Amino acid sequence: MNIPQAKTDLVQQALPKPNAKTERQRDYCKKLCSVVARYLKDDELTGLVQALETFKGNVLAKRYSPGLNDAAYELFANFHLRGPAVGQAAKVAQ
């Protein structure tokens, strides 16, 4: 199904363009998650995953975000349905 360009433009306009501070905070968040995950025990890692999944679900429940929904599904499919090959997990996480 093709979405008309006008509708796609409206979705794109729904979120403000990220500024330098937002991009810096986004980069910090990615690196923080990576560092924290590296040092967690199995049960702690499970808790972090559950917290992030819950957060993602809450964001999707509050606002329409096809990009987040599609990317989250693709990530889920890669890890839980197909499973990445050894060495591929690092590439998917980036």
C-alpha atoms as a PDB file:
ATOM      1  CA  MET A   1       0.000   0.000   0.000  1.00  0.00           C
ATOM      2  CA  ASN A   2       1.414   3.359  -1.001  1.00  0.00           C
ATOM      3  CA  ILE A   3       0.852   6.254   1.358  1.00  0.00           C
ATOM      4  CA  PRO A   4       0.224   9.516  -0.483  1.00  0.00           C
ATOM      5  CA  GLN A   5       3.132  11.925  -0.242  1.00  0.00           C
ATOM      6  CA  ALA A   6       1.017  14.541   1.551  1.00  0.00           C
ATOM      7  CA  LYS A   7       0.294  12.123   4.423  1.00  0.00           C
ATOM      8  CA  THR A   8       3.972  11.174   4.657  1.00  0.00           C
ATOM      9  CA  ASP A   9       4.877  14.866   4.847  1.00  0.00           C
ATOM     10  CA  LEU A  10       2.417  15.383   7.714  1.00  0.00           C
ATOM     11  CA  VAL A  11       3.980  12.519   9.665  1.00  0.00           C
ATOM     12  CA  GLN A  12       7.439  13.962   9.097  1.00  0.00           C
ATOM     13  CA  GLN A  13       6.277  17.384  10.293  1.00  0.00           C
ATOM     14  CA  ALA A  14       4.843  15.938  13.516  1.00  0.00           C
ATOM     15  CA  LEU A  15       8.274  15.808  15.137  1.00  0.00           C
ATOM     16  CA  PRO A  16      10.575  18.811  15.359  1.00  0.00           C
ATOM     17  CA  LYS A  17      13.913  18.636  13.612  1.00  0.00           C
ATOM     18  CA  PRO A  18      16.553  17.510  16.125  1.00  0.00           C
ATOM     19  CA  ASN A  19      18.944  20.224  17.202  1.00  0.00           C
ATOM     20  CA  ALA A  20      22.552  19.731  18.262  1.00  0.00           C
ATOM     21  CA  LYS A  21      21.588  19.227  21.919  1.00  0.00           C
ATOM     22  CA  THR A  22      19.027  16.554  21.004  1.00  0.00           C
ATOM     23  CA  GLU A  23      21.505  14.733  18.769  1.00  0.00           C
ATOM     24  CA  ARG A  24      24.138  14.830  21.515  1.00  0.00           C
ATOM     25  CA  GLN A  25      21.636  13.448  24.016  1.00  0.00           C
ATOM     26  CA  ARG A  26      20.612  10.714  21.541  1.00  0.00           C
ATOM     27  CA  ASP A  27      24.261   9.709  21.054  1.00  0.00           C
ATOM     28  CA  TYR A  28      24.804   9.656  24.825  1.00  0.00           C
ATOM     29  CA  CYS A  29      21.734   7.450  25.292  1.00  0.00           C
ATOM     30  CA  LYS A  30      22.962   4.921  22.706  1.00  0.00           C
ATOM     31  CA  LYS A  31      26.408   4.738  24.275  1.00  0.00           C
ATOM     32  CA  LEU A  32      25.028   4.614  27.824  1.00  0.00           C
ATOM     33  CA  CYS A  33      22.800   1.652  26.944  1.00  0.00           C
ATOM     34  CA  SER A  34      25.761  -0.107  25.360  1.00  0.00           C
ATOM     35  CA  VAL A  35      28.037   0.468  28.361  1.00  0.00           C
ATOM     36  CA  VAL A  36      25.410  -0.502  30.937  1.00  0.00           C
ATOM     37  CA  ALA A  37      24.412  -3.644  29.019  1.00  0.00           C
ATOM     38  CA  ARG A  38      28.047  -4.732  28.826  1.00  0.00           C
ATOM     39  CA  TYR A  39      28.315  -4.959  32.630  1.00  0.00           C
ATOM     40  CA  LEU A  40      24.915  -6.410  33.589  1.00  0.00           C
ATOM     41  CA  LYS A  41      24.232  -9.885  34.934  1.00  0.00           C
ATOM     42  CA  ASP A  42      21.672 -11.970  33.037  1.00  0.00           C
ATOM     43  CA  ASP A  43      18.731 -11.066  35.286  1.00  0.00           C
ATOM     44  CA  GLU A  44      19.671  -7.372  35.234  1.00  0.00           C
ATOM     45  CA  LEU A  45      19.922  -7.436  31.440  1.00  0.00           C
ATOM     46  CA  THR A  46      16.469  -9.016  31.242  1.00  0.00           C
ATOM     47  CA  GLY A  47      15.147  -6.171  33.417  1.00  0.00           C
ATOM     48  CA  LEU A  48      16.729  -3.544  31.172  1.00  0.00           C
ATOM     49  CA  VAL A  49      15.241  -5.151  28.057  1.00  0.00           C
ATOM     50  CA  GLN A  50      11.809  -5.269  29.691  1.00  0.00           C
ATOM     51  CA  ALA A  51      12.081  -1.607  30.738  1.00  0.00           C
ATOM     52  CA  LEU A  52      13.050  -0.536  27.205  1.00  0.00           C
ATOM     53  CA  GLU A  53      10.278  -2.638  25.640  1.00  0.00           C
ATOM     54  CA  THR A  54       7.756  -1.098  28.036  1.00  0.00           C
ATOM     55  CA  PHE A  55       9.027   2.401  27.273  1.00  0.00           C
ATOM     56  CA  LYS A  56       8.795   1.745  23.525  1.00  0.00           C
ATOM     57  CA  GLY A  57       5.258   0.449  23.936  1.00  0.00           C
ATOM     58  CA  ASN A  58       4.250   3.527  25.916  1.00  0.00           C
ATOM     59  CA  VAL A  59       5.665   5.856  23.256  1.00  0.00           C
ATOM     60  CA  LEU A  60       3.800   3.990  20.515  1.00  0.00           C
ATOM     61  CA  ALA A  61       0.582   4.076  22.547  1.00  0.00           C
ATOM     62  CA  LYS A  62       0.840   7.858  22.974  1.00  0.00           C
ATOM     63  CA  ARG A  63       1.738   8.874  19.429  1.00  0.00           C
ATOM     64  CA  TYR A  64       1.769   7.489  15.918  1.00  0.00           C
ATOM     65  CA  SER A  65       5.326   6.658  14.903  1.00  0.00           C
ATOM     66  CA  PRO A  66       5.544   4.319  11.915  1.00  0.00           C
ATOM     67  CA  GLY A  67       9.346   4.591  11.852  1.00  0.00           C
ATOM     68  CA  LEU A  68       9.693   3.480  15.477  1.00  0.00           C
ATOM     69  CA  ASN A  69       7.135   0.738  15.017  1.00  0.00           C
ATOM     70  CA  ASP A  70       8.823  -0.619  11.867  1.00  0.00           C
ATOM     71  CA  ALA A  71      12.348  -0.417  13.300  1.00  0.00           C
ATOM     72  CA  ALA A  72      11.282  -2.061  16.578  1.00  0.00           C
ATOM     73  CA  TYR A  73       9.545  -4.875  14.696  1.00  0.00           C
ATOM     74  CA  GLU A  74      12.597  -5.438  12.486  1.00  0.00           C
ATOM     75  CA  LEU A  75      14.868  -5.555  15.541  1.00  0.00           C
ATOM     76  CA  PHE A  76      12.492  -7.973  17.300  1.00  0.00           C
ATOM     77  CA  ALA A  77      12.292 -10.177  14.208  1.00  0.00           C
ATOM     78  CA  ASN A  78      16.081 -10.292  13.855  1.00  0.00           C
ATOM     79  CA  PHE A  79      16.652 -11.350  17.453  1.00  0.00           C
ATOM     80  CA  HIS A  80      13.586 -13.331  18.425  1.00  0.00           C
ATOM     81  CA  LEU A  81      12.243 -14.838  15.222  1.00  0.00           C
ATOM     82  CA  ARG A  82      15.335 -15.475  13.088  1.00  0.00           C
ATOM     83  CA  GLY A  83      18.198 -14.753  15.455  1.00  0.00           C
ATOM     84  CA  PRO A  84      21.326 -13.004  14.174  1.00  0.00           C
ATOM     85  CA  ALA A  85      24.354 -14.970  13.113  1.00  0.00           C
ATOM     86  CA  VAL A  86      27.331 -14.850  15.434  1.00  0.00           C
ATOM     87  CA  GLY A  87      28.978 -11.444  15.073  1.00  0.00           C
ATOM     88  CA  GLN A  88      25.868  -9.880  13.516  1.00  0.00           C
ATOM     89  CA  ALA A  89      24.364  -8.791  16.862  1.00  0.00           C
ATOM     90  CA  ALA A  90      26.869  -5.928  17.109  1.00  0.00           C
ATOM     91  CA  LYS A  91      25.955  -4.695  13.624  1.00  0.00           C
ATOM     92  CA  VAL A  92      22.210  -4.753  14.363  1.00  0.00           C
ATOM     93  CA  ALA A  93      22.692  -2.877  17.663  1.00  0.00           C
ATOM     94  CA  GLN A  94      24.439  -0.015  15.907  1.00  0.00           C
END
